């Protein structure tokens, strides 16, 4: 079994079910110079919060692999660093303005019933970063709202969108609509 097959086997045994549950999928494209290149499909923004876990799992299981690189289909870049949280969007162009319009007109009115609000943190290189506020911050169903509600609407309205990333500090939420205790 070559290194790429070994990495795929480790992913399948360890983290792939969690990745799939979040609305994404991983496939090993190659292992080059000790770096496993993983192609993220589906909802790529759902995988990036798991990147450290994925790398730790692979590096522990396969010592020949020194690192992991996550890429969207076609091998494009990972989501750009948004800079300080709360800072200005890095690309105030069309994607940011279009995303803001969709959030304000279509998404925020729908989640207002749960005392929630979504704001645009930044947008650039096709990546849209959002912050969940109010009843959405710390909500146990926030990931479902993102992947099954917000992301499909944004993808339909923003053809140039590569992925959606949640930059919310959910631990700081004081009044989540669904807390873990309500489950």
C-alpha atoms as a PDB file:
ATOM      1  CA  UNK A   1       0.000   0.000   0.000  1.00  0.00           C
ATOM      2  CA  UNK A   2       1.500   3.387  -1.007  1.00  0.00           C
ATOM      3  CA  UNK A   3       1.448   6.480   1.225  1.00  0.00           C
ATOM      4  CA  UNK A   4      -1.652   7.996  -0.418  1.00  0.00           C
ATOM      5  CA  UNK A   5      -3.601   4.776   0.148  1.00  0.00           C
ATOM      6  CA  UNK A   6      -2.393   4.659   3.749  1.00  0.00           C
ATOM      7  CA  UNK A   7      -3.565   8.235   4.354  1.00  0.00           C
ATOM      8  CA  UNK A   8      -6.965   7.496   2.800  1.00  0.00           C
ATOM      9  CA  UNK A   9      -7.321   4.423   5.041  1.00  0.00           C
ATOM     10  CA  UNK A  10      -6.458   6.454   8.157  1.00  0.00           C
ATOM     11  CA  UNK A  11      -8.993   9.122   7.199  1.00  0.00           C
ATOM     12  CA  UNK A  12     -11.666   6.488   6.606  1.00  0.00           C
ATOM     13  CA  UNK A  13     -11.088   4.903  10.000  1.00  0.00           C
ATOM     14  CA  UNK A  14     -10.751   8.130  11.945  1.00  0.00           C
ATOM     15  CA  UNK A  15     -12.159  11.430  10.809  1.00  0.00           C
ATOM     16  CA  UNK A  16     -14.044  10.886   7.552  1.00  0.00           C
ATOM     17  CA  UNK A  17     -17.411  10.177   9.244  1.00  0.00           C
ATOM     18  CA  UNK A  18     -17.175  13.541  11.066  1.00  0.00           C
ATOM     19  CA  UNK A  19     -16.238  15.331   7.845  1.00  0.00           C
ATOM     20  CA  UNK A  20     -19.173  13.762   5.989  1.00  0.00           C
ATOM     21  CA  UNK A  21     -21.548  14.650   8.842  1.00  0.00           C
ATOM     22  CA  UNK A  22     -20.475  18.289   8.442  1.00  0.00           C
ATOM     23  CA  UNK A  23     -21.394  18.224   4.733  1.00  0.00           C
ATOM     24  CA  UNK A  24     -17.997  17.694   3.130  1.00  0.00           C
ATOM     25  CA  UNK A  25     -15.738  14.896   1.909  1.00  0.00           C
ATOM     26  CA  UNK A  26     -11.991  14.302   1.675  1.00  0.00           C
ATOM     27  CA  UNK A  27      -9.939  12.442  -0.883  1.00  0.00           C
ATOM     28  CA  UNK A  28      -6.179  12.054  -1.025  1.00  0.00           C
ATOM     29  CA  UNK A  29      -4.829  13.592  -4.220  1.00  0.00           C
ATOM     30  CA  UNK A  30      -1.163  12.814  -3.533  1.00  0.00           C
ATOM     31  CA  UNK A  31       1.580  12.699  -0.966  1.00  0.00           C
ATOM     32  CA  UNK A  32       4.468  14.912  -2.118  1.00  0.00           C
ATOM     33  CA  UNK A  33       7.634  15.555  -0.122  1.00  0.00           C
ATOM     34  CA  UNK A  34       5.979  14.275   3.042  1.00  0.00           C
ATOM     35  CA  UNK A  35       2.852  16.439   2.650  1.00  0.00           C
ATOM     36  CA  UNK A  36      -0.520  14.770   2.119  1.00  0.00           C
ATOM     37  CA  UNK A  37      -2.638  16.838  -0.275  1.00  0.00           C
ATOM     38  CA  UNK A  38      -6.320  16.329   0.511  1.00  0.00           C
ATOM     39  CA  UNK A  39      -9.041  17.503  -1.860  1.00  0.00           C
ATOM     40  CA  UNK A  40     -12.076  18.837  -0.004  1.00  0.00           C
ATOM     41  CA  UNK A  41     -15.432  18.552  -1.774  1.00  0.00           C
ATOM     42  CA  UNK A  42     -18.973  19.340  -0.742  1.00  0.00           C
ATOM     43  CA  UNK A  43     -18.849  22.092   1.831  1.00  0.00           C
ATOM     44  CA  UNK A  44     -15.134  22.907   2.089  1.00  0.00           C
ATOM     45  CA  UNK A  45     -15.604  25.498   4.806  1.00  0.00           C
ATOM     46  CA  UNK A  46     -16.892  22.740   7.083  1.00  0.00           C
ATOM     47  CA  UNK A  47     -13.544  20.930   6.984  1.00  0.00           C
ATOM     48  CA  UNK A  48     -11.118  23.749   7.743  1.00  0.00           C
ATOM     49  CA  UNK A  49     -12.015  23.888  11.476  1.00  0.00           C
ATOM     50  CA  UNK A  50     -10.997  20.200  11.616  1.00  0.00           C
ATOM     51  CA  UNK A  51      -7.657  20.754   9.867  1.00  0.00           C
ATOM     52  CA  UNK A  52      -5.509  20.468  13.005  1.00  0.00           C
ATOM     53  CA  UNK A  53      -7.280  17.257  14.040  1.00  0.00           C
ATOM     54  CA  UNK A  54      -6.882  15.795  10.567  1.00  0.00           C
ATOM     55  CA  UNK A  55      -3.179  16.610  10.472  1.00  0.00           C
ATOM     56  CA  UNK A  56      -2.562  15.217  13.965  1.00  0.00           C
ATOM     57  CA  UNK A  57      -4.387  11.996  13.096  1.00  0.00           C
ATOM     58  CA  UNK A  58      -2.461  11.451   9.856  1.00  0.00           C
ATOM     59  CA  UNK A  59       0.952  12.403  11.282  1.00  0.00           C
ATOM     60  CA  UNK A  60       0.474  10.099  14.284  1.00  0.00           C
ATOM     61  CA  UNK A  61      -0.612   7.143  12.164  1.00  0.00           C
ATOM     62  CA  UNK A  62       1.914   7.627   9.353  1.00  0.00           C
ATOM     63  CA  UNK A  63       5.271   9.040  10.506  1.00  0.00           C
ATOM     64  CA  UNK A  64       6.430   9.523   6.887  1.00  0.00           C
ATOM     65  CA  UNK A  65       3.780  12.239   6.507  1.00  0.00           C
ATOM     66  CA  UNK A  66       5.033  15.496   8.010  1.00  0.00           C
ATOM     67  CA  UNK A  67       2.061  17.670   7.078  1.00  0.00           C
ATOM     68  CA  UNK A  68      -1.368  17.923   5.491  1.00  0.00           C
ATOM     69  CA  UNK A  69      -2.613  20.471   2.951  1.00  0.00           C
ATOM     70  CA  UNK A  70      -6.334  20.885   2.299  1.00  0.00           C
ATOM     71  CA  UNK A  71      -7.314  22.121  -1.161  1.00  0.00           C
ATOM     72  CA  UNK A  72     -10.626  22.545  -2.991  1.00  0.00           C
ATOM     73  CA  UNK A  73     -11.211  20.626  -6.236  1.00  0.00           C
ATOM     74  CA  UNK A  74      -8.722  21.826  -8.816  1.00  0.00           C
ATOM     75  CA  UNK A  75      -6.044  22.431  -6.177  1.00  0.00           C
ATOM     76  CA  UNK A  76      -6.846  26.106  -5.520  1.00  0.00           C
ATOM     77  CA  UNK A  77      -5.796  27.948  -2.396  1.00  0.00           C
ATOM     78  CA  UNK A  78      -7.055  27.406   1.105  1.00  0.00           C
ATOM     79  CA  UNK A  79      -9.320  30.170   2.447  1.00  0.00           C
ATOM     80  CA  UNK A  80      -7.345  33.362   2.915  1.00  0.00           C
ATOM     81  CA  UNK A  81      -6.517  34.540   6.420  1.00  0.00           C
ATOM     82  CA  UNK A  82      -9.180  37.127   7.328  1.00  0.00           C
ATOM     83  CA  UNK A  83      -6.816  39.129   9.515  1.00  0.00           C
ATOM     84  CA  UNK A  84      -8.039  40.182  12.932  1.00  0.00           C
ATOM     85  CA  UNK A  85     -11.562  39.023  13.701  1.00  0.00           C
ATOM     86  CA  UNK A  86     -13.879  41.947  13.312  1.00  0.00           C
ATOM     87  CA  UNK A  87     -11.536  43.744  10.942  1.00  0.00           C
ATOM     88  CA  UNK A  88     -12.617  45.100   7.578  1.00  0.00           C
ATOM     89  CA  UNK A  89     -13.261  42.658   4.755  1.00  0.00           C
ATOM     90  CA  UNK A  90     -10.092  41.945   2.805  1.00  0.00           C
ATOM     91  CA  UNK A  91     -11.864  42.252  -0.538  1.00  0.00           C
ATOM     92  CA  UNK A  92     -14.662  44.828  -0.584  1.00  0.00           C
ATOM     93  CA  UNK A  93     -15.551  43.843  -4.155  1.00  0.00           C
ATOM     94  CA  UNK A  94     -18.544  42.198  -5.698  1.00  0.00           C
ATOM     95  CA  UNK A  95     -18.560  38.976  -3.661  1.00  0.00           C
ATOM     96  CA  UNK A  96     -18.565  40.820  -0.329  1.00  0.00           C
ATOM     97  CA  UNK A  97     -21.327  43.211  -1.330  1.00  0.00           C
ATOM     98  CA  UNK A  98     -23.432  40.459  -2.899  1.00  0.00           C
ATOM     99  CA  UNK A  99     -22.980  38.255   0.186  1.00  0.00           C
ATOM    100  CA  UNK A 100     -23.966  41.119   2.475  1.00  0.00           C
ATOM    101  CA  UNK A 101     -27.119  41.780   0.404  1.00  0.00           C
ATOM    102  CA  UNK A 102     -28.143  38.097   0.525  1.00  0.00           C
ATOM    103  CA  UNK A 103     -27.517  37.893   4.266  1.00  0.00           C
ATOM    104  CA  UNK A 104     -29.564  41.034   4.940  1.00  0.00           C
ATOM    105  CA  UNK A 105     -32.430  40.329   2.543  1.00  0.00           C
ATOM    106  CA  UNK A 106     -32.876  36.553   2.725  1.00  0.00           C
ATOM    107  CA  UNK A 107     -31.060  34.963   5.638  1.00  0.00           C
ATOM    108  CA  UNK A 108     -31.328  37.380   8.562  1.00  0.00           C
ATOM    109  CA  UNK A 109     -35.116  37.751   8.318  1.00  0.00           C
ATOM    110  CA  UNK A 110     -35.439  33.943   8.475  1.00  0.00           C
ATOM    111  CA  UNK A 111     -33.218  33.446  11.529  1.00  0.00           C
ATOM    112  CA  UNK A 112     -34.553  36.493  13.393  1.00  0.00           C
ATOM    113  CA  UNK A 113     -37.286  34.243  14.794  1.00  0.00           C
ATOM    114  CA  UNK A 114     -34.529  32.482  16.754  1.00  0.00           C
ATOM    115  CA  UNK A 115     -33.058  35.799  17.934  1.00  0.00           C
ATOM    116  CA  UNK A 116     -30.205  35.217  15.474  1.00  0.00           C
ATOM    117  CA  UNK A 117     -28.221  37.357  13.093  1.00  0.00           C
ATOM    118  CA  UNK A 118     -25.444  36.625  10.564  1.00  0.00           C
ATOM    119  CA  UNK A 119     -22.879  39.246   9.668  1.00  0.00           C
ATOM    120  CA  UNK A 120     -20.213  39.193   6.994  1.00  0.00           C
ATOM    121  CA  UNK A 121     -16.739  39.017   8.578  1.00  0.00           C
ATOM    122  CA  UNK A 122     -14.833  39.060   5.284  1.00  0.00           C
ATOM    123  CA  UNK A 123     -14.859  37.843   1.710  1.00  0.00           C
ATOM    124  CA  UNK A 124     -12.100  37.233  -0.782  1.00  0.00           C
ATOM    125  CA  UNK A 125     -10.802  34.711  -3.305  1.00  0.00           C
ATOM    126  CA  UNK A 126     -14.266  33.132  -3.382  1.00  0.00           C
ATOM    127  CA  UNK A 127     -14.351  32.480   0.383  1.00  0.00           C
ATOM    128  CA  UNK A 128     -17.096  34.021   2.482  1.00  0.00           C
ATOM    129  CA  UNK A 129     -16.508  34.244   6.243  1.00  0.00           C
ATOM    130  CA  UNK A 130     -19.493  34.872   8.479  1.00  0.00           C
ATOM    131  CA  UNK A 131     -20.062  35.487  12.159  1.00  0.00           C
ATOM    132  CA  UNK A 132     -23.189  34.172  13.869  1.00  0.00           C
ATOM    133  CA  UNK A 133     -24.618  36.437  16.541  1.00  0.00           C
ATOM    134  CA  UNK A 134     -27.466  36.556  19.042  1.00  0.00           C
ATOM    135  CA  UNK A 135     -29.305  33.253  19.427  1.00  0.00           C
ATOM    136  CA  UNK A 136     -27.058  31.651  16.775  1.00  0.00           C
ATOM    137  CA  UNK A 137     -23.834  32.222  18.733  1.00  0.00           C
ATOM    138  CA  UNK A 138     -23.239  29.023  20.679  1.00  0.00           C
ATOM    139  CA  UNK A 139     -26.375  27.331  19.328  1.00  0.00           C
ATOM    140  CA  UNK A 140     -25.995  23.555  19.126  1.00  0.00           C
ATOM    141  CA  UNK A 141     -27.587  23.642  15.663  1.00  0.00           C
ATOM    142  CA  UNK A 142     -25.386  26.417  14.242  1.00  0.00           C
ATOM    143  CA  UNK A 143     -23.475  24.019  11.960  1.00  0.00           C
ATOM    144  CA  UNK A 144     -26.763  22.689  10.555  1.00  0.00           C
ATOM    145  CA  UNK A 145     -27.975  26.243   9.933  1.00  0.00           C
ATOM    146  CA  UNK A 146     -24.715  27.062   8.151  1.00  0.00           C
ATOM    147  CA  UNK A 147     -24.430  23.944   5.980  1.00  0.00           C
ATOM    148  CA  UNK A 148     -28.088  23.255   5.205  1.00  0.00           C
ATOM    149  CA  UNK A 149     -29.523  26.764   5.265  1.00  0.00           C
ATOM    150  CA  UNK A 150     -27.054  29.595   4.713  1.00  0.00           C
ATOM    151  CA  UNK A 151     -24.480  27.918   2.462  1.00  0.00           C
ATOM    152  CA  UNK A 152     -26.936  26.599  -0.181  1.00  0.00           C
ATOM    153  CA  UNK A 153     -28.583  30.025  -0.463  1.00  0.00           C
ATOM    154  CA  UNK A 154     -25.239  31.803  -0.821  1.00  0.00           C
ATOM    155  CA  UNK A 155     -24.015  29.246  -3.382  1.00  0.00           C
ATOM    156  CA  UNK A 156     -27.181  29.739  -5.446  1.00  0.00           C
ATOM    157  CA  UNK A 157     -26.803  33.538  -5.401  1.00  0.00           C
ATOM    158  CA  UNK A 158     -22.987  33.785  -5.596  1.00  0.00           C
ATOM    159  CA  UNK A 159     -21.667  31.598  -8.434  1.00  0.00           C
ATOM    160  CA  UNK A 160     -18.066  32.598  -7.691  1.00  0.00           C
ATOM    161  CA  UNK A 161     -18.220  31.398  -4.086  1.00  0.00           C
ATOM    162  CA  UNK A 162     -15.704  28.661  -3.221  1.00  0.00           C
ATOM    163  CA  UNK A 163     -16.779  28.058   0.365  1.00  0.00           C
ATOM    164  CA  UNK A 164     -18.296  29.370   3.577  1.00  0.00           C
ATOM    165  CA  UNK A 165     -16.336  29.584   6.824  1.00  0.00           C
ATOM    166  CA  UNK A 166     -17.800  30.276  10.270  1.00  0.00           C
ATOM    167  CA  UNK A 167     -15.510  32.556  12.337  1.00  0.00           C
ATOM    168  CA  UNK A 168     -17.876  32.764  15.309  1.00  0.00           C
ATOM    169  CA  UNK A 169     -16.567  32.350  18.850  1.00  0.00           C
ATOM    170  CA  UNK A 170     -19.370  30.001  19.849  1.00  0.00           C
ATOM    171  CA  UNK A 171     -17.963  29.552  23.370  1.00  0.00           C
ATOM    172  CA  UNK A 172     -18.719  33.222  24.058  1.00  0.00           C
ATOM    173  CA  UNK A 173     -22.438  32.841  23.249  1.00  0.00           C
ATOM    174  CA  UNK A 174     -24.549  33.784  26.271  1.00  0.00           C
ATOM    175  CA  UNK A 175     -28.063  32.985  25.067  1.00  0.00           C
ATOM    176  CA  UNK A 176     -27.987  30.306  22.334  1.00  0.00           C
ATOM    177  CA  UNK A 177     -31.378  29.425  20.901  1.00  0.00           C
ATOM    178  CA  UNK A 178     -30.642  25.689  21.271  1.00  0.00           C
ATOM    179  CA  UNK A 179     -28.125  24.983  23.983  1.00  0.00           C
ATOM    180  CA  UNK A 180     -26.567  21.551  24.370  1.00  0.00           C
ATOM    181  CA  UNK A 181     -28.828  21.015  27.397  1.00  0.00           C
ATOM    182  CA  UNK A 182     -31.959  21.439  25.221  1.00  0.00           C
ATOM    183  CA  UNK A 183     -31.034  18.457  23.039  1.00  0.00           C
END
